[in-house]
């Protein structure tokens, strides 16, 4: 399964928006197999904050662990937020 975060906008900042985005994609998880990878694509995301990430990315890793694969994470905002999440976990 691939989730393109750009479909939620290029500026991903609020905790509420992250929570709502996770609720939307959660519906798709019912159709995934036990070993299917969950690819998160950051292409087109210009701003990515810890609040949004905590409500979306953290929940994904808590639920799927090593099955989550992150791609197109070169944006400085994305890198900084992901680094912060790693340090906090």
C-alpha atoms as a PDB file:
ATOM      1  CA  UNK A   1       0.000   0.000   0.000  1.00  0.00           C
ATOM      2  CA  UNK A   2       1.251   3.483  -0.833  1.00  0.00           C
ATOM      3  CA  UNK A   3       0.077   6.655   0.864  1.00  0.00           C
ATOM      4  CA  UNK A   4       1.016   9.915  -0.832  1.00  0.00           C
ATOM      5  CA  UNK A   5       0.914  12.593   1.839  1.00  0.00           C
ATOM      6  CA  UNK A   6       0.581  15.327  -0.788  1.00  0.00           C
ATOM      7  CA  UNK A   7      -3.094  14.398  -1.094  1.00  0.00           C
ATOM      8  CA  UNK A   8      -3.522  15.947   2.379  1.00  0.00           C
ATOM      9  CA  UNK A   9      -1.774  19.138   1.247  1.00  0.00           C
ATOM     10  CA  UNK A  10       1.771  20.406   0.916  1.00  0.00           C
ATOM     11  CA  UNK A  11       1.720  22.057   4.345  1.00  0.00           C
ATOM     12  CA  UNK A  12       1.065  19.466   7.050  1.00  0.00           C
ATOM     13  CA  UNK A  13       1.058  21.276  10.361  1.00  0.00           C
ATOM     14  CA  UNK A  14      -1.838  20.827  12.754  1.00  0.00           C
ATOM     15  CA  UNK A  15      -2.405  17.981  15.148  1.00  0.00           C
ATOM     16  CA  UNK A  16      -6.108  17.902  14.234  1.00  0.00           C
ATOM     17  CA  UNK A  17      -5.344  17.606  10.512  1.00  0.00           C
ATOM     18  CA  UNK A  18      -2.905  14.764  11.185  1.00  0.00           C
ATOM     19  CA  UNK A  19      -5.526  12.970  13.272  1.00  0.00           C
ATOM     20  CA  UNK A  20      -8.108  13.367  10.505  1.00  0.00           C
ATOM     21  CA  UNK A  21      -5.647  12.157   7.838  1.00  0.00           C
ATOM     22  CA  UNK A  22      -4.900   9.070   9.900  1.00  0.00           C
ATOM     23  CA  UNK A  23      -8.619   8.364  10.292  1.00  0.00           C
ATOM     24  CA  UNK A  24      -9.045   8.540   6.517  1.00  0.00           C
ATOM     25  CA  UNK A  25      -6.202   6.135   5.706  1.00  0.00           C
ATOM     26  CA  UNK A  26      -7.114   3.802   8.565  1.00  0.00           C
ATOM     27  CA  UNK A  27     -10.088   2.685   6.540  1.00  0.00           C
ATOM     28  CA  UNK A  28      -7.698   1.300   3.912  1.00  0.00           C
ATOM     29  CA  UNK A  29      -5.817  -0.822   6.454  1.00  0.00           C
ATOM     30  CA  UNK A  30      -8.667  -3.311   6.654  1.00  0.00           C
ATOM     31  CA  UNK A  31      -7.709  -4.482   3.165  1.00  0.00           C
ATOM     32  CA  UNK A  32      -3.983  -4.995   3.824  1.00  0.00           C
ATOM     33  CA  UNK A  33      -2.399  -8.367   4.360  1.00  0.00           C
ATOM     34  CA  UNK A  34      -0.332  -9.134   7.460  1.00  0.00           C
ATOM     35  CA  UNK A  35       2.962  -8.771   5.588  1.00  0.00           C
ATOM     36  CA  UNK A  36       2.114  -5.912   3.216  1.00  0.00           C
ATOM     37  CA  UNK A  37       4.435  -2.887   3.404  1.00  0.00           C
ATOM     38  CA  UNK A  38       2.979   0.568   4.058  1.00  0.00           C
ATOM     39  CA  UNK A  39       4.910   3.079   1.918  1.00  0.00           C
ATOM     40  CA  UNK A  40       4.603   6.730   2.949  1.00  0.00           C
ATOM     41  CA  UNK A  41       5.596   9.099   0.141  1.00  0.00           C
ATOM     42  CA  UNK A  42       6.539  12.671   1.125  1.00  0.00           C
ATOM     43  CA  UNK A  43       6.917  13.945  -2.450  1.00  0.00           C
ATOM     44  CA  UNK A  44       5.402  17.427  -2.750  1.00  0.00           C
ATOM     45  CA  UNK A  45       5.257  18.083   1.003  1.00  0.00           C
ATOM     46  CA  UNK A  46       6.950  21.404   1.778  1.00  0.00           C
ATOM     47  CA  UNK A  47       6.194  21.782   5.498  1.00  0.00           C
ATOM     48  CA  UNK A  48       5.857  18.886   7.930  1.00  0.00           C
ATOM     49  CA  UNK A  49       5.556  19.533  11.652  1.00  0.00           C
ATOM     50  CA  UNK A  50       5.969  17.277  14.687  1.00  0.00           C
ATOM     51  CA  UNK A  51       2.313  17.775  15.658  1.00  0.00           C
ATOM     52  CA  UNK A  52       0.971  16.422  12.360  1.00  0.00           C
ATOM     53  CA  UNK A  53       3.608  13.701  12.288  1.00  0.00           C
ATOM     54  CA  UNK A  54       2.814  12.547  15.823  1.00  0.00           C
ATOM     55  CA  UNK A  55      -0.832  12.041  14.929  1.00  0.00           C
ATOM     56  CA  UNK A  56      -0.059  10.217  11.677  1.00  0.00           C
ATOM     57  CA  UNK A  57       3.463   8.786  11.418  1.00  0.00           C
ATOM     58  CA  UNK A  58       3.817   7.802  15.066  1.00  0.00           C
ATOM     59  CA  UNK A  59       0.486   5.968  14.955  1.00  0.00           C
ATOM     60  CA  UNK A  60       1.527   4.157  11.779  1.00  0.00           C
ATOM     61  CA  UNK A  61       4.791   2.983  13.327  1.00  0.00           C
ATOM     62  CA  UNK A  62       2.972   1.944  16.514  1.00  0.00           C
ATOM     63  CA  UNK A  63       0.516  -0.123  14.491  1.00  0.00           C
ATOM     64  CA  UNK A  64       2.753  -1.512  11.714  1.00  0.00           C
ATOM     65  CA  UNK A  65       6.358  -1.150  12.932  1.00  0.00           C
ATOM     66  CA  UNK A  66       8.949  -2.273  10.389  1.00  0.00           C
ATOM     67  CA  UNK A  67       6.316  -2.598   7.680  1.00  0.00           C
ATOM     68  CA  UNK A  68       6.300   1.216   7.316  1.00  0.00           C
ATOM     69  CA  UNK A  69       8.649   2.537   4.631  1.00  0.00           C
ATOM     70  CA  UNK A  70       9.275   6.265   4.184  1.00  0.00           C
ATOM     71  CA  UNK A  71      10.222   7.695   0.784  1.00  0.00           C
ATOM     72  CA  UNK A  72      11.144  11.124  -0.617  1.00  0.00           C
ATOM     73  CA  UNK A  73      12.242  12.396   2.778  1.00  0.00           C
ATOM     74  CA  UNK A  74      14.902  14.826   1.478  1.00  0.00           C
ATOM     75  CA  UNK A  75      12.967  17.990   2.333  1.00  0.00           C
ATOM     76  CA  UNK A  76      14.628  19.720   5.348  1.00  0.00           C
ATOM     77  CA  UNK A  77      11.290  20.098   7.152  1.00  0.00           C
ATOM     78  CA  UNK A  78      10.506  16.411   6.705  1.00  0.00           C
ATOM     79  CA  UNK A  79      14.023  15.371   7.773  1.00  0.00           C
ATOM     80  CA  UNK A  80      13.961  17.523  10.909  1.00  0.00           C
ATOM     81  CA  UNK A  81      10.548  16.260  11.991  1.00  0.00           C
ATOM     82  CA  UNK A  82      11.412  12.608  11.373  1.00  0.00           C
ATOM     83  CA  UNK A  83      14.684  13.021  13.282  1.00  0.00           C
ATOM     84  CA  UNK A  84      12.792  14.524  16.206  1.00  0.00           C
ATOM     85  CA  UNK A  85      10.291  11.662  16.233  1.00  0.00           C
ATOM     86  CA  UNK A  86      13.158   9.143  16.289  1.00  0.00           C
ATOM     87  CA  UNK A  87      14.779  10.891  19.251  1.00  0.00           C
ATOM     88  CA  UNK A  88      11.491  10.976  21.155  1.00  0.00           C
ATOM     89  CA  UNK A  89      10.594   7.328  20.597  1.00  0.00           C
END
